Amino acid sequence: MARTGNDPVAVIGLGRFGTALALELIRNGTEVLAIDSQSKIVQGLTKQIPHVITADSTDLEALRQLGLPEFQRAVVAIGTDIQASIFTTSLLADMGIPDIWAKAISGLHGDILARVGAHHIVAPENDMGERVAHLLTGRILEYVEIDTDFAIIKTKPPGDIVGVTLREAQVRKRYGVTIVAVKPQATLPNDEPRFTDTTPDTVLGYGDLILVQGTIENIERFAAEE
């Protein structure tokens, strides 16, 4: 099977995280096979998710009958049942699924999931906690951590780089970050500005929104500037 960005996705475990993920994938036009071991949960989602099935994901034969070996992408969103999470991930890896995402509720859980075959570890509670912590401090309006020490934020420019070109402001030299896009402040009632790429000649205004990338340490230092 050729692998494309719109391949069907199997989502196993329909708690809050798994359900939200499945619904968002469907809204984005991705076909989803949603699986949970509790029939009550499955019955409650039949009107929202076209392909939702009650099955034991720790049963190898059940997964085979559902066609899981044909999937290119799968998400193990099982939460509190750590044993089922690990065993399900291991079975998917044994099937040769090339892109396995697994939810972890602790660092140790994540380490084990990676060892048994998960390619990506997701820690929703931890990731959201870090995001909210950044949003509550400084002038950060949106925060996305790209790697363990790299992030992109949406913020407003500090006063010392407003009114001059980015070339003159020397943001990268002074702060170690890069301003990659800008959304000018609306000046008319029906005006709807959009983000556009910056250039060395871009001049920022006080009400503009900017997207800034860099190491987390440098991003936080930049966002603390007034």
C-alpha atoms as a PDB file:
ATOM      1  CA  MET A   1       0.000   0.000   0.000  1.00  0.00           C
ATOM      2  CA  ALA A   2       1.423   3.371  -0.983  1.00  0.00           C
ATOM      3  CA  ARG A   3       1.772   5.721   1.941  1.00  0.00           C
ATOM      4  CA  THR A   4       0.128   9.135   1.712  1.00  0.00           C
ATOM      5  CA  GLY A   5      -0.698  11.885   4.180  1.00  0.00           C
ATOM      6  CA  ASN A   6      -4.380  10.988   3.882  1.00  0.00           C
ATOM      7  CA  ASP A   7      -4.080   7.256   4.601  1.00  0.00           C
ATOM      8  CA  PRO A   8      -6.720   5.910   7.002  1.00  0.00           C
ATOM      9  CA  VAL A   9      -5.796   6.025  10.671  1.00  0.00           C
ATOM     10  CA  ALA A  10      -6.677   3.484  13.346  1.00  0.00           C
ATOM     11  CA  VAL A  11      -7.395   5.124  16.699  1.00  0.00           C
ATOM     12  CA  ILE A  12      -7.449   2.631  19.572  1.00  0.00           C
ATOM     13  CA  GLY A  13      -8.875   3.858  22.869  1.00  0.00           C
ATOM     14  CA  LEU A  14     -11.733   6.348  22.898  1.00  0.00           C
ATOM     15  CA  GLY A  15     -11.285   8.319  26.060  1.00  0.00           C
ATOM     16  CA  ARG A  16     -11.209  12.110  25.861  1.00  0.00           C
ATOM     17  CA  PHE A  17      -7.918  12.207  23.976  1.00  0.00           C
ATOM     18  CA  GLY A  18      -8.711   9.395  21.533  1.00  0.00           C
ATOM     19  CA  THR A  19     -12.216  10.683  20.801  1.00  0.00           C
ATOM     20  CA  ALA A  20     -11.051  14.252  20.237  1.00  0.00           C
ATOM     21  CA  LEU A  21      -8.285  12.996  17.953  1.00  0.00           C
ATOM     22  CA  ALA A  22     -10.638  10.790  15.924  1.00  0.00           C
ATOM     23  CA  LEU A  23     -13.199  13.563  15.467  1.00  0.00           C
ATOM     24  CA  GLU A  24     -10.560  16.088  14.422  1.00  0.00           C
ATOM     25  CA  LEU A  25      -9.092  13.660  11.876  1.00  0.00           C
ATOM     26  CA  ILE A  26     -12.559  13.079  10.440  1.00  0.00           C
ATOM     27  CA  ARG A  27     -13.177  16.835  10.219  1.00  0.00           C
ATOM     28  CA  ASN A  28      -9.933  17.110   8.270  1.00  0.00           C
ATOM     29  CA  GLY A  29     -11.109  14.489   5.774  1.00  0.00           C
ATOM     30  CA  THR A  30      -9.151  11.495   7.078  1.00  0.00           C
ATOM     31  CA  GLU A  31     -10.849   8.120   7.270  1.00  0.00           C
ATOM     32  CA  VAL A  32     -10.714   6.723  10.807  1.00  0.00           C
ATOM     33  CA  LEU A  33     -11.220   3.262  12.238  1.00  0.00           C
ATOM     34  CA  ALA A  34     -11.989   3.879  15.909  1.00  0.00           C
ATOM     35  CA  ILE A  35     -11.726   0.997  18.397  1.00  0.00           C
ATOM     36  CA  ASP A  36     -12.569   0.682  22.067  1.00  0.00           C
ATOM     37  CA  SER A  37     -13.113  -2.286  24.352  1.00  0.00           C
ATOM     38  CA  GLN A  38     -16.191  -0.763  25.999  1.00  0.00           C
ATOM     39  CA  SER A  39     -19.390  -1.149  23.999  1.00  0.00           C
ATOM     40  CA  LYS A  40     -21.100   1.691  25.859  1.00  0.00           C
ATOM     41  CA  ILE A  41     -18.453   4.158  24.671  1.00  0.00           C
ATOM     42  CA  VAL A  42     -18.667   2.838  21.116  1.00  0.00           C
ATOM     43  CA  GLN A  43     -22.460   3.090  21.041  1.00  0.00           C
ATOM     44  CA  GLY A  44     -22.257   6.693  22.155  1.00  0.00           C
ATOM     45  CA  LEU A  45     -20.008   7.592  19.210  1.00  0.00           C
ATOM     46  CA  THR A  46     -21.776   5.821  16.346  1.00  0.00           C
ATOM     47  CA  LYS A  47     -23.408   9.041  15.110  1.00  0.00           C
ATOM     48  CA  GLN A  48     -20.147  10.966  15.128  1.00  0.00           C
ATOM     49  CA  ILE A  49     -17.659   8.379  13.890  1.00  0.00           C
ATOM     50  CA  PRO A  50     -18.718   6.324  10.828  1.00  0.00           C
ATOM     51  CA  HIS A  51     -16.369   3.406  11.564  1.00  0.00           C
ATOM     52  CA  VAL A  52     -16.330   2.728  15.299  1.00  0.00           C
ATOM     53  CA  ILE A  53     -16.029  -0.802  16.632  1.00  0.00           C
ATOM     54  CA  THR A  54     -15.988  -2.639  19.947  1.00  0.00           C
ATOM     55  CA  ALA A  55     -12.937  -4.899  20.125  1.00  0.00           C
ATOM     56  CA  ASP A  56     -10.196  -6.065  22.458  1.00  0.00           C
ATOM     57  CA  SER A  57      -7.020  -4.477  21.114  1.00  0.00           C
ATOM     58  CA  THR A  58      -4.877  -6.968  23.055  1.00  0.00           C
ATOM     59  CA  ASP A  59      -6.354  -9.801  20.963  1.00  0.00           C
ATOM     60  CA  LEU A  60      -4.106 -10.365  17.960  1.00  0.00           C
ATOM     61  CA  GLU A  61      -6.755 -12.232  15.967  1.00  0.00           C
ATOM     62  CA  ALA A  62      -9.299  -9.475  16.568  1.00  0.00           C
ATOM     63  CA  LEU A  63      -6.887  -6.868  15.209  1.00  0.00           C
ATOM     64  CA  ARG A  64      -6.182  -9.008  12.170  1.00  0.00           C
ATOM     65  CA  GLN A  65      -9.895  -9.436  11.448  1.00  0.00           C
ATOM     66  CA  LEU A  66     -10.301  -5.665  11.580  1.00  0.00           C
ATOM     67  CA  GLY A  67      -7.574  -5.308   8.944  1.00  0.00           C
ATOM     68  CA  LEU A  68      -5.049  -3.539  11.156  1.00  0.00           C
ATOM     69  CA  PRO A  69      -2.044  -5.051   9.303  1.00  0.00           C
ATOM     70  CA  GLU A  70      -3.140  -3.052   6.235  1.00  0.00           C
ATOM     71  CA  PHE A  71      -2.958   0.294   8.033  1.00  0.00           C
ATOM     72  CA  GLN A  72       0.013   2.590   7.628  1.00  0.00           C
ATOM     73  CA  ARG A  73      -0.794   4.710  10.698  1.00  0.00           C
ATOM     74  CA  ALA A  74      -2.208   3.860  14.111  1.00  0.00           C
ATOM     75  CA  VAL A  75      -2.661   5.699  17.387  1.00  0.00           C
ATOM     76  CA  VAL A  76      -2.775   3.880  20.709  1.00  0.00           C
ATOM     77  CA  ALA A  77      -4.775   6.338  22.804  1.00  0.00           C
ATOM     78  CA  ILE A  78      -5.444   3.973  25.706  1.00  0.00           C
ATOM     79  CA  GLY A  79      -5.095   5.882  28.959  1.00  0.00           C
ATOM     80  CA  THR A  80      -5.257   4.274  32.372  1.00  0.00           C
ATOM     81  CA  ASP A  81      -4.813   0.614  31.385  1.00  0.00           C
ATOM     82  CA  ILE A  82      -1.040   0.680  30.977  1.00  0.00           C
ATOM     83  CA  GLN A  83      -0.777  -3.051  30.339  1.00  0.00           C
ATOM     84  CA  ALA A  84      -3.291  -2.880  27.475  1.00  0.00           C
ATOM     85  CA  SER A  85      -1.509   0.178  26.085  1.00  0.00           C
ATOM     86  CA  ILE A  86       1.849  -1.572  26.016  1.00  0.00           C
ATOM     87  CA  PHE A  87       0.534  -4.877  24.705  1.00  0.00           C
ATOM     88  CA  THR A  88      -1.505  -3.193  21.962  1.00  0.00           C
ATOM     89  CA  THR A  89       1.493  -1.153  20.853  1.00  0.00           C
ATOM     90  CA  SER A  90       3.624  -4.288  20.760  1.00  0.00           C
ATOM     91  CA  LEU A  91       1.073  -6.120  18.602  1.00  0.00           C
ATOM     92  CA  LEU A  92       0.870  -3.220  16.142  1.00  0.00           C
ATOM     93  CA  ALA A  93       4.662  -3.166  15.899  1.00  0.00           C
ATOM     94  CA  ASP A  94       4.746  -6.917  15.283  1.00  0.00           C
ATOM     95  CA  MET A  95       2.273  -6.380  12.439  1.00  0.00           C
ATOM     96  CA  GLY A  96       4.755  -4.025  10.820  1.00  0.00           C
ATOM     97  CA  ILE A  97       2.665  -0.851  10.950  1.00  0.00           C
ATOM     98  CA  PRO A  98       5.201   1.807   9.937  1.00  0.00           C
ATOM     99  CA  ASP A  99       3.829   4.797  11.856  1.00  0.00           C
ATOM    100  CA  ILE A 100       2.664   4.104  15.428  1.00  0.00           C
ATOM    101  CA  TRP A 101       1.726   6.899  17.829  1.00  0.00           C
ATOM    102  CA  ALA A 102       1.111   6.047  21.482  1.00  0.00           C
ATOM    103  CA  LYS A 103      -0.207   8.030  24.417  1.00  0.00           C
ATOM    104  CA  ALA A 104       1.897   7.910  27.574  1.00  0.00           C
ATOM    105  CA  ILE A 105       0.793   8.923  31.066  1.00  0.00           C
ATOM    106  CA  SER A 106       4.312   9.029  32.503  1.00  0.00           C
ATOM    107  CA  GLY A 107       7.918   9.148  31.408  1.00  0.00           C
ATOM    108  CA  LEU A 108       8.472   5.495  32.232  1.00  0.00           C
ATOM    109  CA  HIS A 109       5.324   4.513  30.330  1.00  0.00           C
ATOM    110  CA  GLY A 110       6.613   6.430  27.324  1.00  0.00           C
ATOM    111  CA  ASP A 111      10.020   4.739  27.510  1.00  0.00           C
ATOM    112  CA  ILE A 112       8.392   1.301  27.519  1.00  0.00           C
ATOM    113  CA  LEU A 113       6.096   2.200  24.616  1.00  0.00           C
ATOM    114  CA  ALA A 114       9.110   3.299  22.590  1.00  0.00           C
ATOM    115  CA  ARG A 115      10.943   0.070  23.398  1.00  0.00           C
ATOM    116  CA  VAL A 116       8.055  -2.133  22.249  1.00  0.00           C
ATOM    117  CA  GLY A 117       7.701  -0.323  18.950  1.00  0.00           C
ATOM    118  CA  ALA A 118       5.996   3.090  19.162  1.00  0.00           C
ATOM    119  CA  HIS A 119       7.540   5.590  16.762  1.00  0.00           C
ATOM    120  CA  HIS A 120       6.038   8.666  18.421  1.00  0.00           C
ATOM    121  CA  ILE A 121       5.168   9.202  22.089  1.00  0.00           C
ATOM    122  CA  VAL A 122       2.414  11.658  22.992  1.00  0.00           C
ATOM    123  CA  ALA A 123       1.990  12.976  26.529  1.00  0.00           C
ATOM    124  CA  PRO A 124      -1.146  15.140  26.275  1.00  0.00           C
ATOM    125  CA  GLU A 125      -1.401  16.168  29.918  1.00  0.00           C
ATOM    126  CA  ASN A 126       2.284  17.047  30.181  1.00  0.00           C
ATOM    127  CA  ASP A 127       2.387  18.814  26.811  1.00  0.00           C
ATOM    128  CA  MET A 128      -0.725  20.873  27.641  1.00  0.00           C
ATOM    129  CA  GLY A 129       0.690  21.757  31.043  1.00  0.00           C
ATOM    130  CA  GLU A 130       3.872  23.090  29.471  1.00  0.00           C
ATOM    131  CA  ARG A 131       1.875  25.024  26.866  1.00  0.00           C
ATOM    132  CA  VAL A 132      -0.400  26.658  29.425  1.00  0.00           C
ATOM    133  CA  ALA A 133       2.567  27.528  31.626  1.00  0.00           C
ATOM    134  CA  HIS A 134       4.140  29.433  28.751  1.00  0.00           C
ATOM    135  CA  LEU A 135       0.870  31.151  27.864  1.00  0.00           C
ATOM    136  CA  LEU A 136       0.471  32.345  31.443  1.00  0.00           C
ATOM    137  CA  THR A 137       3.851  34.059  31.457  1.00  0.00           C
ATOM    138  CA  GLY A 138       5.255  36.887  29.385  1.00  0.00           C
ATOM    139  CA  ARG A 139       3.561  38.044  26.184  1.00  0.00           C
ATOM    140  CA  ILE A 140       3.223  34.620  24.565  1.00  0.00           C
ATOM    141  CA  LEU A 141      -0.173  34.177  22.879  1.00  0.00           C
ATOM    142  CA  GLU A 142       0.431  30.732  21.356  1.00  0.00           C
ATOM    143  CA  TYR A 143       3.181  28.240  22.060  1.00  0.00           C
ATOM    144  CA  VAL A 144       4.151  25.128  20.091  1.00  0.00           C
ATOM    145  CA  GLU A 145       7.102  23.006  21.194  1.00  0.00           C
ATOM    146  CA  ILE A 146       8.703  21.473  18.102  1.00  0.00           C
ATOM    147  CA  ASP A 147      11.426  19.513  19.883  1.00  0.00           C
ATOM    148  CA  THR A 148      12.796  19.152  23.388  1.00  0.00           C
ATOM    149  CA  ASP A 149      14.579  22.508  23.096  1.00  0.00           C
ATOM    150  CA  PHE A 150      12.929  24.285  20.168  1.00  0.00           C
ATOM    151  CA  ALA A 151       9.616  26.117  19.877  1.00  0.00           C
ATOM    152  CA  ILE A 152       7.525  28.541  17.829  1.00  0.00           C
ATOM    153  CA  ILE A 153       5.458  31.232  19.515  1.00  0.00           C
ATOM    154  CA  LYS A 154       2.897  33.830  18.529  1.00  0.00           C
ATOM    155  CA  THR A 155       3.452  37.121  20.321  1.00  0.00           C
ATOM    156  CA  LYS A 156       3.652  40.883  19.871  1.00  0.00           C
ATOM    157  CA  PRO A 157       6.970  42.597  19.172  1.00  0.00           C
ATOM    158  CA  PRO A 158       8.841  44.305  22.001  1.00  0.00           C
ATOM    159  CA  GLY A 159       9.135  48.055  21.678  1.00  0.00           C
ATOM    160  CA  ASP A 160      12.830  48.106  20.808  1.00  0.00           C
ATOM    161  CA  ILE A 161      12.291  46.387  17.446  1.00  0.00           C
ATOM    162  CA  VAL A 162       9.201  48.373  16.408  1.00  0.00           C
ATOM    163  CA  GLY A 163       9.483  51.011  13.696  1.00  0.00           C
ATOM    164  CA  VAL A 164      12.737  49.780  12.203  1.00  0.00           C
ATOM    165  CA  THR A 165      13.490  47.100   9.643  1.00  0.00           C
ATOM    166  CA  LEU A 166      14.303  43.617  10.867  1.00  0.00           C
ATOM    167  CA  ARG A 167      17.720  44.088   9.313  1.00  0.00           C
ATOM    168  CA  GLU A 168      18.301  47.085  11.572  1.00  0.00           C
ATOM    169  CA  ALA A 169      16.743  45.428  14.612  1.00  0.00           C
ATOM    170  CA  GLN A 170      19.244  42.532  14.417  1.00  0.00           C
ATOM    171  CA  VAL A 171      16.840  40.222  16.240  1.00  0.00           C
ATOM    172  CA  ARG A 172      18.772  37.047  15.536  1.00  0.00           C
ATOM    173  CA  LYS A 173      22.059  38.539  16.711  1.00  0.00           C
ATOM    174  CA  ARG A 174      20.583  40.099  19.871  1.00  0.00           C
ATOM    175  CA  TYR A 175      18.104  37.408  20.928  1.00  0.00           C
ATOM    176  CA  GLY A 176      19.082  34.274  19.003  1.00  0.00           C
ATOM    177  CA  VAL A 177      15.576  33.913  17.514  1.00  0.00           C
ATOM    178  CA  THR A 178      14.062  34.361  14.064  1.00  0.00           C
ATOM    179  CA  ILE A 179      10.848  36.241  13.270  1.00  0.00           C
ATOM    180  CA  VAL A 180       9.408  34.179  10.439  1.00  0.00           C
ATOM    181  CA  ALA A 181       5.996  35.802   9.839  1.00  0.00           C
ATOM    182  CA  VAL A 182       3.978  38.883  10.704  1.00  0.00           C
ATOM    183  CA  LYS A 183       0.279  39.725  10.826  1.00  0.00           C
ATOM    184  CA  PRO A 184      -0.233  43.511  10.773  1.00  0.00           C
ATOM    185  CA  GLN A 185      -2.723  45.094  13.126  1.00  0.00           C
ATOM    186  CA  ALA A 186      -6.097  45.753  11.491  1.00  0.00           C
ATOM    187  CA  THR A 187      -6.575  49.434  10.638  1.00  0.00           C
ATOM    188  CA  LEU A 188     -10.111  49.307   9.223  1.00  0.00           C
ATOM    189  CA  PRO A 189     -13.323  47.754  10.680  1.00  0.00           C
ATOM    190  CA  ASN A 190     -13.571  45.106   7.951  1.00  0.00           C
ATOM    191  CA  ASP A 191      -9.855  44.659   7.530  1.00  0.00           C
ATOM    192  CA  GLU A 192      -8.689  41.048   7.985  1.00  0.00           C
ATOM    193  CA  PRO A 193      -4.892  40.914   7.797  1.00  0.00           C
ATOM    194  CA  ARG A 194      -3.134  37.581   7.400  1.00  0.00           C
ATOM    195  CA  PHE A 195       0.269  36.260   8.327  1.00  0.00           C
ATOM    196  CA  THR A 196       2.916  36.760   5.650  1.00  0.00           C
ATOM    197  CA  ASP A 197       6.597  35.843   5.532  1.00  0.00           C
ATOM    198  CA  THR A 198       8.994  38.457   6.833  1.00  0.00           C
ATOM    199  CA  THR A 199      11.965  39.875   4.939  1.00  0.00           C
ATOM    200  CA  PRO A 200      14.967  41.863   6.161  1.00  0.00           C
ATOM    201  CA  ASP A 201      13.028  45.015   5.125  1.00  0.00           C
ATOM    202  CA  THR A 202       9.905  44.191   7.174  1.00  0.00           C
ATOM    203  CA  VAL A 203       8.981  46.933   9.659  1.00  0.00           C
ATOM    204  CA  LEU A 204       6.890  45.881  12.665  1.00  0.00           C
ATOM    205  CA  GLY A 205       4.213  47.885  14.461  1.00  0.00           C
ATOM    206  CA  TYR A 206       3.166  47.751  18.118  1.00  0.00           C
ATOM    207  CA  GLY A 207      -0.120  45.975  17.435  1.00  0.00           C
ATOM    208  CA  ASP A 208       1.293  43.425  14.997  1.00  0.00           C
ATOM    209  CA  LEU A 209       1.376  39.704  15.711  1.00  0.00           C
ATOM    210  CA  ILE A 210       4.565  37.825  14.943  1.00  0.00           C
ATOM    211  CA  LEU A 211       5.635  34.186  14.749  1.00  0.00           C
ATOM    212  CA  VAL A 212       9.029  33.626  16.343  1.00  0.00           C
ATOM    213  CA  GLN A 213      11.141  30.460  16.317  1.00  0.00           C
ATOM    214  CA  GLY A 214      14.188  29.478  18.308  1.00  0.00           C
ATOM    215  CA  THR A 215      15.414  27.560  21.313  1.00  0.00           C
ATOM    216  CA  ILE A 216      13.044  27.626  24.274  1.00  0.00           C
ATOM    217  CA  GLU A 217      15.551  29.567  26.381  1.00  0.00           C
ATOM    218  CA  ASN A 218      15.930  32.260  23.728  1.00  0.00           C
ATOM    219  CA  ILE A 219      12.206  32.356  22.983  1.00  0.00           C
ATOM    220  CA  GLU A 220      11.394  32.932  26.656  1.00  0.00           C
ATOM    221  CA  ARG A 221      14.028  35.672  26.924  1.00  0.00           C
ATOM    222  CA  PHE A 222      12.644  37.396  23.825  1.00  0.00           C
ATOM    223  CA  ALA A 223       9.056  37.158  25.055  1.00  0.00           C
ATOM    224  CA  ALA A 224      10.006  38.763  28.379  1.00  0.00           C
ATOM    225  CA  GLU A 225      11.084  41.960  26.648  1.00  0.00           C
ATOM    226  CA  GLU A 226       8.665  44.896  26.826  1.00  0.00           C
END
